[in-house]
Amino acid sequence: MATEVKQTEQATAPVQKSAEDRFANTFEGFWQKNGKKVSIGILVVVLVVAGYFAYINFVKAPENVKAGNAMWKAESSFRNDSFALALNGDGSAANPGFLKVISKYSGTKSANLAKFYAGACYLQTGDFNNAVKYLNDYSSTSEVLNVRVYGLLGDAYSELGKKDQAVENYKKAGKAFADDTFNSSEYLYRAAVLLADQNKTADAIALLKEIKKNFPMTPRGVEADKFMAKLGETK
């Protein structure tokens, strides 16, 4: 009789669900309640990603090609020192000039590079404020190009009488790519000259010593001792 009671109790006892079963039930309930929202969210993400790649491949890539084609005559004019022509072109579709490339193909690599060229052109034509504007708008991860960008900014600020900003940019140019020994030493030397003009003699001498130490075989490295002697620094 006891055996029968025990068997009855076992038969009526609740069945314990496994962790997997509990998770499946929970997920099923969640999906029934939120499945539509989740599906819409996934679809939106897919469409955004697909749209981005379509934009890059079918819009930006062709724009980069067109911008590059529009650049080459302006670059040729720049190399020939025809800076106004390089900036403004000749009015034809084949030679729009750097400024047109910047406005028409904004966001492309060529438009970004055109800002560097435009800044250099404005510097050469004496429009130093526009030189600063376009050079500051240009962006690059190239250490070689950054030497030139900072150096040109130093020249533009110097012409504007903004000596502190000129020194700052000359220093950046001198430290952007030390392997370019000629330009690095040249721009540090220009910074030293401006510091000396502001009676910041100790700072000027410190830069000259840096030039002599790091770039001894360059023209400015050779001249460093002479300049330091002029400032009162003897060996």
C-alpha atoms as a PDB file:
ATOM      1  CA  MET A   1       0.000   0.000   0.000  1.00  0.00           C
ATOM      2  CA  ALA A   2       2.849   2.313   0.871  1.00  0.00           C
ATOM      3  CA  THR A   3       4.347   1.541  -2.494  1.00  0.00           C
ATOM      4  CA  GLU A   4       1.174   2.618  -4.265  1.00  0.00           C
ATOM      5  CA  VAL A   5       1.100   5.931  -2.415  1.00  0.00           C
ATOM      6  CA  LYS A   6       4.745   6.638  -3.323  1.00  0.00           C
ATOM      7  CA  GLN A   7       4.119   5.914  -6.970  1.00  0.00           C
ATOM      8  CA  THR A   8       1.064   8.204  -6.979  1.00  0.00           C
ATOM      9  CA  GLU A   9       3.097  11.062  -5.448  1.00  0.00           C
ATOM     10  CA  GLN A  10       5.788  10.653  -8.091  1.00  0.00           C
ATOM     11  CA  ALA A  11       3.214  10.682 -10.841  1.00  0.00           C
ATOM     12  CA  THR A  12       1.608  13.947  -9.652  1.00  0.00           C
ATOM     13  CA  ALA A  13       4.888  15.795  -8.807  1.00  0.00           C
ATOM     14  CA  PRO A  14       5.653  18.798 -11.159  1.00  0.00           C
ATOM     15  CA  VAL A  15       8.269  18.214 -13.872  1.00  0.00           C
ATOM     16  CA  GLN A  16      11.386  20.394 -13.445  1.00  0.00           C
ATOM     17  CA  LYS A  17      12.238  22.294 -16.672  1.00  0.00           C
ATOM     18  CA  SER A  18      15.822  22.544 -17.863  1.00  0.00           C
ATOM     19  CA  ALA A  19      17.617  25.886 -18.231  1.00  0.00           C
ATOM     20  CA  GLU A  20      17.387  25.512 -22.010  1.00  0.00           C
ATOM     21  CA  ASP A  21      13.631  25.062 -21.829  1.00  0.00           C
ATOM     22  CA  ARG A  22      13.236  28.108 -19.600  1.00  0.00           C
ATOM     23  CA  PHE A  23      15.354  30.213 -21.983  1.00  0.00           C
ATOM     24  CA  ALA A  24      13.371  28.979 -25.003  1.00  0.00           C
ATOM     25  CA  ASN A  25      10.103  29.896 -23.323  1.00  0.00           C
ATOM     26  CA  THR A  26      11.413  33.313 -22.287  1.00  0.00           C
ATOM     27  CA  PHE A  27      12.769  34.044 -25.771  1.00  0.00           C
ATOM     28  CA  GLU A  28       9.513  32.909 -27.376  1.00  0.00           C
ATOM     29  CA  GLY A  29       7.589  35.291 -25.170  1.00  0.00           C
ATOM     30  CA  PHE A  30       9.986  38.127 -25.898  1.00  0.00           C
ATOM     31  CA  TRP A  31       9.798  37.491 -29.633  1.00  0.00           C
ATOM     32  CA  GLN A  32       6.011  37.385 -29.637  1.00  0.00           C
ATOM     33  CA  LYS A  33       5.968  40.731 -27.881  1.00  0.00           C
ATOM     34  CA  ASN A  34       8.891  42.499 -29.623  1.00  0.00           C
ATOM     35  CA  GLY A  35       9.655  40.490 -32.748  1.00  0.00           C
ATOM     36  CA  LYS A  36       8.191  43.025 -35.141  1.00  0.00           C
ATOM     37  CA  LYS A  37      10.188  45.899 -33.648  1.00  0.00           C
ATOM     38  CA  VAL A  38      13.414  43.869 -33.710  1.00  0.00           C
ATOM     39  CA  SER A  39      12.843  42.881 -37.352  1.00  0.00           C
ATOM     40  CA  ILE A  40      12.261  46.501 -38.321  1.00  0.00           C
ATOM     41  CA  GLY A  41      15.422  47.549 -36.441  1.00  0.00           C
ATOM     42  CA  ILE A  42      17.527  44.933 -38.229  1.00  0.00           C
ATOM     43  CA  LEU A  43      16.067  45.988 -41.578  1.00  0.00           C
ATOM     44  CA  VAL A  44      16.908  49.632 -40.892  1.00  0.00           C
ATOM     45  CA  VAL A  45      20.527  48.749 -40.042  1.00  0.00           C
ATOM     46  CA  VAL A  46      20.848  46.659 -43.208  1.00  0.00           C
ATOM     47  CA  LEU A  47      19.417  49.471 -45.335  1.00  0.00           C
ATOM     48  CA  VAL A  48      21.729  52.066 -43.743  1.00  0.00           C
ATOM     49  CA  VAL A  49      24.824  49.915 -44.324  1.00  0.00           C
ATOM     50  CA  ALA A  50      23.749  49.091 -47.875  1.00  0.00           C
ATOM     51  CA  GLY A  51      23.008  52.761 -48.535  1.00  0.00           C
ATOM     52  CA  TYR A  52      26.426  53.797 -47.235  1.00  0.00           C
ATOM     53  CA  PHE A  53      28.276  51.381 -49.493  1.00  0.00           C
ATOM     54  CA  ALA A  54      26.098  52.362 -52.455  1.00  0.00           C
ATOM     55  CA  TYR A  55      26.905  56.023 -51.767  1.00  0.00           C
ATOM     56  CA  ILE A  56      30.647  55.331 -51.564  1.00  0.00           C
ATOM     57  CA  ASN A  57      30.736  53.187 -54.712  1.00  0.00           C
ATOM     58  CA  PHE A  58      28.225  54.940 -56.936  1.00  0.00           C
ATOM     59  CA  VAL A  59      28.428  58.565 -55.817  1.00  0.00           C
ATOM     60  CA  LYS A  60      31.702  59.368 -54.057  1.00  0.00           C
ATOM     61  CA  ALA A  61      33.973  57.227 -56.249  1.00  0.00           C
ATOM     62  CA  PRO A  62      32.810  58.871 -59.509  1.00  0.00           C
ATOM     63  CA  GLU A  63      33.018  62.296 -57.830  1.00  0.00           C
ATOM     64  CA  ASN A  64      36.644  61.614 -56.862  1.00  0.00           C
ATOM     65  CA  VAL A  65      37.455  60.704 -60.451  1.00  0.00           C
ATOM     66  CA  LYS A  66      35.799  63.866 -61.815  1.00  0.00           C
ATOM     67  CA  ALA A  67      37.558  66.019 -59.224  1.00  0.00           C
ATOM     68  CA  GLY A  68      40.920  64.465 -60.066  1.00  0.00           C
ATOM     69  CA  ASN A  69      40.363  65.141 -63.769  1.00  0.00           C
ATOM     70  CA  ALA A  70      39.471  68.749 -62.997  1.00  0.00           C
ATOM     71  CA  MET A  71      42.656  69.232 -60.954  1.00  0.00           C
ATOM     72  CA  TRP A  72      45.440  68.453 -63.374  1.00  0.00           C
ATOM     73  CA  LYS A  73      45.409  71.700 -65.402  1.00  0.00           C
ATOM     74  CA  ALA A  74      45.320  73.769 -62.223  1.00  0.00           C
ATOM     75  CA  GLU A  75      48.288  71.801 -60.907  1.00  0.00           C
ATOM     76  CA  SER A  76      50.104  72.445 -64.170  1.00  0.00           C
ATOM     77  CA  SER A  77      49.453  76.180 -63.832  1.00  0.00           C
ATOM     78  CA  PHE A  78      50.722  76.048 -60.241  1.00  0.00           C
ATOM     79  CA  ARG A  79      53.965  74.375 -61.318  1.00  0.00           C
ATOM     80  CA  ASN A  80      54.427  77.129 -63.907  1.00  0.00           C
ATOM     81  CA  ASP A  81      53.931  79.832 -61.242  1.00  0.00           C
ATOM     82  CA  SER A  82      50.631  80.965 -62.820  1.00  0.00           C
ATOM     83  CA  PHE A  83      48.956  81.245 -59.438  1.00  0.00           C
ATOM     84  CA  ALA A  84      45.909  83.322 -60.412  1.00  0.00           C
ATOM     85  CA  LEU A  85      45.158  80.925 -63.269  1.00  0.00           C
ATOM     86  CA  ALA A  86      45.647  77.959 -60.950  1.00  0.00           C
ATOM     87  CA  LEU A  87      43.165  79.442 -58.478  1.00  0.00           C
ATOM     88  CA  ASN A  88      40.439  80.593 -60.863  1.00  0.00           C
ATOM     89  CA  GLY A  89      40.956  78.575 -64.028  1.00  0.00           C
ATOM     90  CA  ASP A  90      40.216  79.960 -67.480  1.00  0.00           C
ATOM     91  CA  GLY A  91      36.435  79.689 -67.359  1.00  0.00           C
ATOM     92  CA  SER A  92      36.303  76.421 -69.263  1.00  0.00           C
ATOM     93  CA  ALA A  93      34.967  73.132 -67.944  1.00  0.00           C
ATOM     94  CA  ALA A  94      38.353  71.558 -68.600  1.00  0.00           C
ATOM     95  CA  ASN A  95      40.216  74.088 -66.447  1.00  0.00           C
ATOM     96  CA  PRO A  96      37.982  75.196 -63.549  1.00  0.00           C
ATOM     97  CA  GLY A  97      40.804  76.061 -61.111  1.00  0.00           C
ATOM     98  CA  PHE A  98      41.344  75.021 -57.515  1.00  0.00           C
ATOM     99  CA  LEU A  99      38.570  77.160 -56.033  1.00  0.00           C
ATOM    100  CA  LYS A 100      35.954  75.588 -58.289  1.00  0.00           C
ATOM    101  CA  VAL A 101      37.204  72.106 -57.462  1.00  0.00           C
ATOM    102  CA  ILE A 102      36.850  72.898 -53.753  1.00  0.00           C
ATOM    103  CA  SER A 103      33.263  74.135 -54.086  1.00  0.00           C
ATOM    104  CA  LYS A 104      32.021  71.675 -56.705  1.00  0.00           C
ATOM    105  CA  TYR A 105      33.598  68.510 -55.357  1.00  0.00           C
ATOM    106  CA  SER A 106      33.440  69.153 -51.625  1.00  0.00           C
ATOM    107  CA  GLY A 107      34.297  66.108 -49.544  1.00  0.00           C
ATOM    108  CA  THR A 108      36.549  64.457 -52.125  1.00  0.00           C
ATOM    109  CA  LYS A 109      40.279  63.866 -51.706  1.00  0.00           C
ATOM    110  CA  SER A 110      41.000  66.161 -54.640  1.00  0.00           C
ATOM    111  CA  ALA A 111      38.980  68.999 -53.112  1.00  0.00           C
ATOM    112  CA  ASN A 112      40.931  68.594 -49.890  1.00  0.00           C
ATOM    113  CA  LEU A 113      44.253  68.719 -51.761  1.00  0.00           C
ATOM    114  CA  ALA A 114      43.010  71.738 -53.707  1.00  0.00           C
ATOM    115  CA  LYS A 115      42.771  73.594 -50.381  1.00  0.00           C
ATOM    116  CA  PHE A 116      46.512  73.111 -49.895  1.00  0.00           C
ATOM    117  CA  TYR A 117      47.219  74.404 -53.389  1.00  0.00           C
ATOM    118  CA  ALA A 118      44.815  77.330 -52.946  1.00  0.00           C
ATOM    119  CA  GLY A 119      46.529  78.335 -49.704  1.00  0.00           C
ATOM    120  CA  ALA A 120      49.927  78.216 -51.400  1.00  0.00           C
ATOM    121  CA  CYS A 121      48.602  80.277 -54.348  1.00  0.00           C
ATOM    122  CA  TYR A 122      47.145  82.936 -52.060  1.00  0.00           C
ATOM    123  CA  LEU A 123      50.448  83.137 -50.192  1.00  0.00           C
ATOM    124  CA  GLN A 124      52.276  83.717 -53.467  1.00  0.00           C
ATOM    125  CA  THR A 125      49.819  86.422 -54.542  1.00  0.00           C
ATOM    126  CA  GLY A 126      50.000  88.265 -51.218  1.00  0.00           C
ATOM    127  CA  ASP A 127      46.531  87.395 -49.918  1.00  0.00           C
ATOM    128  CA  PHE A 128      47.752  86.123 -46.574  1.00  0.00           C
ATOM    129  CA  ASN A 129      44.377  85.904 -44.834  1.00  0.00           C
ATOM    130  CA  ASN A 130      43.018  83.572 -47.505  1.00  0.00           C
ATOM    131  CA  ALA A 131      46.291  81.655 -47.392  1.00  0.00           C
ATOM    132  CA  VAL A 132      45.718  81.002 -43.687  1.00  0.00           C
ATOM    133  CA  LYS A 133      42.069  80.123 -44.275  1.00  0.00           C
ATOM    134  CA  TYR A 134      42.668  77.464 -46.910  1.00  0.00           C
ATOM    135  CA  LEU A 135      45.796  75.987 -45.350  1.00  0.00           C
ATOM    136  CA  ASN A 136      43.974  75.563 -42.036  1.00  0.00           C
ATOM    137  CA  ASP A 137      41.067  73.904 -43.855  1.00  0.00           C
ATOM    138  CA  TYR A 138      43.388  71.362 -45.445  1.00  0.00           C
ATOM    139  CA  SER A 139      43.900  68.112 -43.544  1.00  0.00           C
ATOM    140  CA  SER A 140      46.490  65.395 -44.096  1.00  0.00           C
ATOM    141  CA  THR A 141      48.092  62.459 -42.317  1.00  0.00           C
ATOM    142  CA  SER A 142      51.175  62.785 -44.531  1.00  0.00           C
ATOM    143  CA  GLU A 143      54.182  63.901 -42.505  1.00  0.00           C
ATOM    144  CA  VAL A 144      55.914  65.086 -45.682  1.00  0.00           C
ATOM    145  CA  LEU A 145      53.019  67.341 -46.677  1.00  0.00           C
ATOM    146  CA  ASN A 146      52.489  68.602 -43.140  1.00  0.00           C
ATOM    147  CA  VAL A 147      56.012  70.019 -43.144  1.00  0.00           C
ATOM    148  CA  ARG A 148      54.992  72.206 -46.072  1.00  0.00           C
ATOM    149  CA  VAL A 149      51.554  73.081 -44.666  1.00  0.00           C
ATOM    150  CA  TYR A 150      52.905  74.252 -41.316  1.00  0.00           C
ATOM    151  CA  GLY A 151      55.790  76.019 -43.016  1.00  0.00           C
ATOM    152  CA  LEU A 152      53.474  77.945 -45.341  1.00  0.00           C
ATOM    153  CA  LEU A 153      51.214  78.817 -42.411  1.00  0.00           C
ATOM    154  CA  GLY A 154      54.272  80.148 -40.608  1.00  0.00           C
ATOM    155  CA  ASP A 155      55.094  82.321 -43.619  1.00  0.00           C
ATOM    156  CA  ALA A 156      51.515  83.620 -43.876  1.00  0.00           C
ATOM    157  CA  TYR A 157      51.238  84.458 -40.172  1.00  0.00           C
ATOM    158  CA  SER A 158      54.656  86.108 -40.290  1.00  0.00           C
ATOM    159  CA  GLU A 159      53.528  88.335 -43.180  1.00  0.00           C
ATOM    160  CA  LEU A 160      50.427  89.250 -41.175  1.00  0.00           C
ATOM    161  CA  GLY A 161      52.606  90.273 -38.237  1.00  0.00           C
ATOM    162  CA  LYS A 162      51.275  87.465 -36.062  1.00  0.00           C
ATOM    163  CA  LYS A 163      54.669  86.371 -34.844  1.00  0.00           C
ATOM    164  CA  ASP A 164      53.574  84.031 -32.054  1.00  0.00           C
ATOM    165  CA  GLN A 165      51.383  82.025 -34.434  1.00  0.00           C
ATOM    166  CA  ALA A 166      54.150  82.063 -37.022  1.00  0.00           C
ATOM    167  CA  VAL A 167      56.667  80.673 -34.520  1.00  0.00           C
ATOM    168  CA  GLU A 168      54.208  78.000 -33.424  1.00  0.00           C
ATOM    169  CA  ASN A 169      53.703  76.793 -36.992  1.00  0.00           C
ATOM    170  CA  TYR A 170      57.386  76.993 -37.889  1.00  0.00           C
ATOM    171  CA  LYS A 171      58.124  74.773 -34.896  1.00  0.00           C
ATOM    172  CA  LYS A 172      55.463  72.294 -36.008  1.00  0.00           C
ATOM    173  CA  ALA A 173      56.991  72.274 -39.480  1.00  0.00           C
ATOM    174  CA  GLY A 174      60.418  71.649 -38.009  1.00  0.00           C
ATOM    175  CA  LYS A 175      59.215  68.660 -36.017  1.00  0.00           C
ATOM    176  CA  ALA A 176      56.628  67.121 -38.371  1.00  0.00           C
ATOM    177  CA  PHE A 177      59.099  64.992 -40.339  1.00  0.00           C
ATOM    178  CA  ALA A 178      62.678  65.104 -39.098  1.00  0.00           C
ATOM    179  CA  ASP A 179      63.930  63.057 -42.057  1.00  0.00           C
ATOM    180  CA  ASP A 180      63.334  66.126 -44.223  1.00  0.00           C
ATOM    181  CA  THR A 181      66.460  67.696 -42.814  1.00  0.00           C
ATOM    182  CA  PHE A 182      66.582  70.666 -45.160  1.00  0.00           C
ATOM    183  CA  ASN A 183      63.052  71.965 -44.560  1.00  0.00           C
ATOM    184  CA  SER A 184      62.984  70.978 -40.880  1.00  0.00           C
ATOM    185  CA  SER A 185      66.122  72.994 -40.147  1.00  0.00           C
ATOM    186  CA  GLU A 186      64.952  75.876 -42.336  1.00  0.00           C
ATOM    187  CA  TYR A 187      61.646  76.317 -40.530  1.00  0.00           C
ATOM    188  CA  LEU A 188      63.205  76.009 -37.074  1.00  0.00           C
ATOM    189  CA  TYR A 189      65.685  78.690 -38.132  1.00  0.00           C
ATOM    190  CA  ARG A 190      62.848  80.980 -39.214  1.00  0.00           C
ATOM    191  CA  ALA A 191      61.245  80.457 -35.814  1.00  0.00           C
ATOM    192  CA  ALA A 192      64.543  81.400 -34.152  1.00  0.00           C
ATOM    193  CA  VAL A 193      64.738  84.600 -36.212  1.00  0.00           C
ATOM    194  CA  LEU A 194      61.248  85.653 -35.135  1.00  0.00           C
ATOM    195  CA  LEU A 195      61.981  84.845 -31.508  1.00  0.00           C
ATOM    196  CA  ALA A 196      65.142  86.954 -31.661  1.00  0.00           C
ATOM    197  CA  ASP A 197      63.122  89.815 -33.198  1.00  0.00           C
ATOM    198  CA  GLN A 198      60.827  89.653 -30.160  1.00  0.00           C
ATOM    199  CA  ASN A 199      63.831  89.752 -27.801  1.00  0.00           C
ATOM    200  CA  LYS A 200      63.144  86.160 -26.752  1.00  0.00           C
ATOM    201  CA  THR A 201      66.852  85.482 -26.951  1.00  0.00           C
ATOM    202  CA  ALA A 202      66.988  82.403 -24.743  1.00  0.00           C
ATOM    203  CA  ASP A 203      64.241  80.703 -26.749  1.00  0.00           C
ATOM    204  CA  ALA A 204      65.950  81.586 -30.017  1.00  0.00           C
ATOM    205  CA  ILE A 205      69.281  80.168 -28.803  1.00  0.00           C
ATOM    206  CA  ALA A 206      67.578  76.971 -27.633  1.00  0.00           C
ATOM    207  CA  LEU A 207      66.181  76.434 -31.143  1.00  0.00           C
ATOM    208  CA  LEU A 208      69.530  77.169 -32.754  1.00  0.00           C
ATOM    209  CA  LYS A 209      71.181  74.587 -30.513  1.00  0.00           C
ATOM    210  CA  GLU A 210      68.506  72.105 -31.539  1.00  0.00           C
ATOM    211  CA  ILE A 211      69.249  72.804 -35.202  1.00  0.00           C
ATOM    212  CA  LYS A 212      72.972  72.382 -34.665  1.00  0.00           C
ATOM    213  CA  LYS A 213      72.453  69.109 -32.781  1.00  0.00           C
ATOM    214  CA  ASN A 214      69.892  67.474 -35.072  1.00  0.00           C
ATOM    215  CA  PHE A 215      70.754  68.958 -38.463  1.00  0.00           C
ATOM    216  CA  PRO A 216      74.472  69.820 -38.336  1.00  0.00           C
ATOM    217  CA  MET A 217      75.145  69.217 -42.043  1.00  0.00           C
ATOM    218  CA  THR A 218      72.353  71.447 -43.361  1.00  0.00           C
ATOM    219  CA  PRO A 219      72.964  75.075 -44.399  1.00  0.00           C
ATOM    220  CA  ARG A 220      71.092  76.295 -41.321  1.00  0.00           C
ATOM    221  CA  GLY A 221      73.009  73.895 -39.115  1.00  0.00           C
ATOM    222  CA  VAL A 222      76.237  75.438 -40.342  1.00  0.00           C
ATOM    223  CA  GLU A 223      74.920  78.964 -39.732  1.00  0.00           C
ATOM    224  CA  ALA A 224      73.643  78.225 -36.225  1.00  0.00           C
ATOM    225  CA  ASP A 225      76.919  79.081 -34.428  1.00  0.00           C
ATOM    226  CA  LYS A 226      77.200  82.414 -36.215  1.00  0.00           C
ATOM    227  CA  PHE A 227      73.650  83.379 -35.282  1.00  0.00           C
ATOM    228  CA  MET A 228      74.144  82.302 -31.659  1.00  0.00           C
ATOM    229  CA  ALA A 229      77.285  84.417 -31.436  1.00  0.00           C
ATOM    230  CA  LYS A 230      75.293  87.380 -32.727  1.00  0.00           C
ATOM    231  CA  LEU A 231      72.816  86.768 -29.905  1.00  0.00           C
ATOM    232  CA  GLY A 232      75.613  86.702 -27.342  1.00  0.00           C
ATOM    233  CA  GLU A 233      75.964  82.947 -26.997  1.00  0.00           C
ATOM    234  CA  THR A 234      79.584  81.785 -27.145  1.00  0.00           C
ATOM    235  CA  LYS A 235      80.893  78.231 -27.240  1.00  0.00           C
END
